[in-house]
Every structure is written in structure tokens, then in C-alpha cells.
Amino acid sequence: MDNKYLENELKKINEESSVRDLQKYINDMIKVRGFEKETPKDIMILLTEEIGELAKEVRKLSGIKTDANKKDEIGASEEIADVFIYILSMCKVLNIDLLEAFKNKEKINLKRTWK
């Protein structure tokens, strides 16, 4: 597996791809890029950093003042993608099937009363 392999796999991902398809891609990406030794702690730190960057983008979109001299060109869509990538990475290191985890959690949430 190499970047060419990832490029070909990425082309297969579309609006009909499943959560498991995305998890498989991220699992392969982790191997290709040599991130296999990242621990849950490492990923949590990186995820937290990305959430902070997403918060900064939301801040800009909300009209809250920011440093006018700083030129950030990334944007909210890329930051939320980074957050999603790290969530899928965390699933890998913790051996979590995100689809099953989501369904199980929603079963619990459906029994709750929301005020």
C-alpha cells in the first residue's frame, strides 16, 4: 500500500459510501502514512487541536472579532473534515465500529426524555 493506492481508494468514496467504507480508508491511510504507533492519548490531543481550529472558523463565521492580520485560508469544511478524520482514527486505535457505536448510543438516546 502506498499513496497511489490511497488515491485510487479515495476515488471510490462517494455519497453512497458507508461509515465502514470510510473507516477502512482511514485504517489504510494510517498504515500508509506510518501513524500506527499513535496512542489514544496522541489522537485525543490532535483531535482537540482540530476542534480548536474548527472553533476558530466558527468564530469567524459568527462575526466575533479575530486578528485581522492573520490570513487563515483553511475554512470550516476542511477543519470539520480533520475532526472527522481524527474521530475515525480514534475508532481504529480503540477498535470501535463507529456504525455500531452510533446505533447503540441512539437506542439509549431514544429512551431519554429531552427538555
Protein backbone atom coordinates (compact mmCIF):
# COMPACT_ATOMS: atom_id res chain seq x y z
CA MET A 1 0.00 0.00 0.00
CA ASP A 2 1.17 3.50 -0.86
CA ASN A 3 -0.21 6.94 -1.70
CA LYS A 4 -1.22 5.72 -5.18
CA TYR A 5 -3.31 3.02 -3.51
CA LEU A 6 -4.94 5.64 -1.26
CA GLU A 7 -5.59 7.88 -4.26
CA ASN A 8 -7.40 5.02 -6.01
CA GLU A 9 -9.38 4.15 -2.87
CA LEU A 10 -10.36 7.80 -2.37
CA LYS A 11 -11.80 7.88 -5.89
CA LYS A 12 -14.16 5.06 -4.88
CA ILE A 13 -15.60 7.03 -1.95
CA ASN A 14 -18.81 8.82 -2.83
CA GLU A 15 -22.22 9.77 -1.40
CA GLU A 16 -23.16 6.08 -1.28
CA SER A 17 -20.11 5.06 0.75
CA SER A 18 -20.79 3.64 4.19
CA VAL A 19 -19.28 4.62 7.52
CA ARG A 20 -17.41 1.31 7.35
CA ASP A 21 -16.01 2.27 3.93
CA LEU A 22 -14.69 5.49 5.46
CA GLN A 23 -13.27 3.64 8.45
CA LYS A 24 -11.48 1.22 6.12
CA TYR A 25 -9.99 4.11 4.14
CA ILE A 26 -8.74 5.77 7.34
CA ASN A 27 -7.32 2.46 8.59
CA ASP A 28 -5.42 2.09 5.31
CA MET A 29 -4.32 5.74 5.44
CA ILE A 30 -2.92 5.23 8.94
CA LYS A 31 -0.80 2.32 7.67
CA VAL A 32 0.42 4.14 4.55
CA ARG A 33 1.38 7.31 6.45
CA GLY A 34 3.04 5.44 9.32
CA PHE A 35 0.67 6.60 12.06
CA GLU A 36 0.18 3.10 13.53
CA LYS A 37 2.01 3.92 16.76
CA GLU A 38 -0.27 6.80 17.71
CA THR A 39 -1.95 6.14 21.03
CA PRO A 40 -5.45 7.17 22.07
CA LYS A 41 -3.76 9.99 24.03
CA ASP A 42 -1.90 11.18 20.90
CA ILE A 43 -5.07 11.15 18.83
CA MET A 44 -7.08 12.89 21.56
CA ILE A 45 -4.52 15.71 21.64
CA LEU A 46 -4.60 16.04 17.84
CA LEU A 47 -8.42 15.86 17.81
CA THR A 48 -8.63 18.57 20.46
CA GLU A 49 -6.31 20.76 18.40
CA GLU A 50 -8.52 20.29 15.33
CA ILE A 51 -11.66 21.07 17.34
CA GLY A 52 -9.97 24.30 18.40
CA GLU A 53 -9.25 25.14 14.77
CA LEU A 54 -12.88 24.41 13.88
CA ALA A 55 -14.00 26.65 16.75
CA LYS A 56 -11.84 29.44 15.32
CA GLU A 57 -13.56 29.03 11.93
CA VAL A 58 -16.99 29.12 13.56
CA ARG A 59 -15.87 32.22 15.44
CA LYS A 60 -15.02 33.92 12.15
CA LEU A 61 -18.31 32.85 10.57
CA SER A 62 -20.20 34.15 13.62
CA GLY A 63 -18.70 37.60 13.26
CA ILE A 64 -16.74 37.50 16.51
CA LYS A 65 -13.64 39.63 16.16
CA THR A 66 -10.40 37.91 15.13
CA ASP A 67 -6.88 39.02 14.34
CA ALA A 68 -7.25 41.00 11.10
CA ASN A 69 -3.56 40.44 10.22
CA LYS A 70 -3.78 36.66 10.36
CA LYS A 71 -4.55 35.10 7.00
CA ASP A 72 -6.16 31.71 7.55
CA GLU A 73 -7.25 30.16 4.28
CA ILE A 74 -8.42 26.77 5.53
CA GLY A 75 -12.15 27.14 6.22
CA ALA A 76 -14.73 25.31 8.29
CA SER A 77 -15.26 22.44 5.84
CA GLU A 78 -11.60 21.42 5.95
CA GLU A 79 -11.45 21.76 9.73
CA ILE A 80 -14.55 19.63 10.25
CA ALA A 81 -13.04 17.04 7.87
CA ASP A 82 -9.90 16.99 10.06
CA VAL A 83 -12.08 16.42 13.14
CA PHE A 84 -13.88 13.57 11.36
CA ILE A 85 -10.57 12.00 10.30
CA TYR A 86 -9.32 12.02 13.90
CA ILE A 87 -12.60 10.57 15.17
CA LEU A 88 -12.21 7.71 12.67
CA SER A 89 -8.55 7.37 13.72
CA MET A 90 -9.63 7.09 17.35
CA CYS A 91 -12.07 4.36 16.32
CA LYS A 92 -9.15 2.45 14.82
CA VAL A 93 -6.92 2.59 17.87
CA LEU A 94 -9.81 1.75 20.20
CA ASN A 95 -11.17 -0.92 17.83
CA ILE A 96 -14.62 0.72 17.62
CA ASP A 97 -17.07 0.08 14.81
CA LEU A 98 -18.49 3.59 14.52
CA LEU A 99 -21.72 2.49 12.87
CA GLU A 100 -22.48 0.01 15.66
CA ALA A 101 -21.46 2.52 18.34
CA PHE A 102 -23.76 5.13 16.79
CA LYS A 103 -26.71 2.73 16.60
CA ASN A 104 -26.20 1.52 20.18
CA LYS A 105 -25.97 5.06 21.51
CA GLU A 106 -29.07 6.18 19.60
CA LYS A 107 -31.03 3.28 21.10
CA ILE A 108 -30.16 4.73 24.52
CA ASN A 109 -30.98 8.30 23.40
CA LEU A 110 -34.38 7.21 22.05
CA LYS A 111 -35.37 6.18 25.58
CA ARG A 112 -34.46 9.57 27.05
CA THR A 113 -36.79 12.48 27.57
CA TRP A 114 -35.36 15.72 26.22
CA LYS A 115 -36.41 19.07 27.74
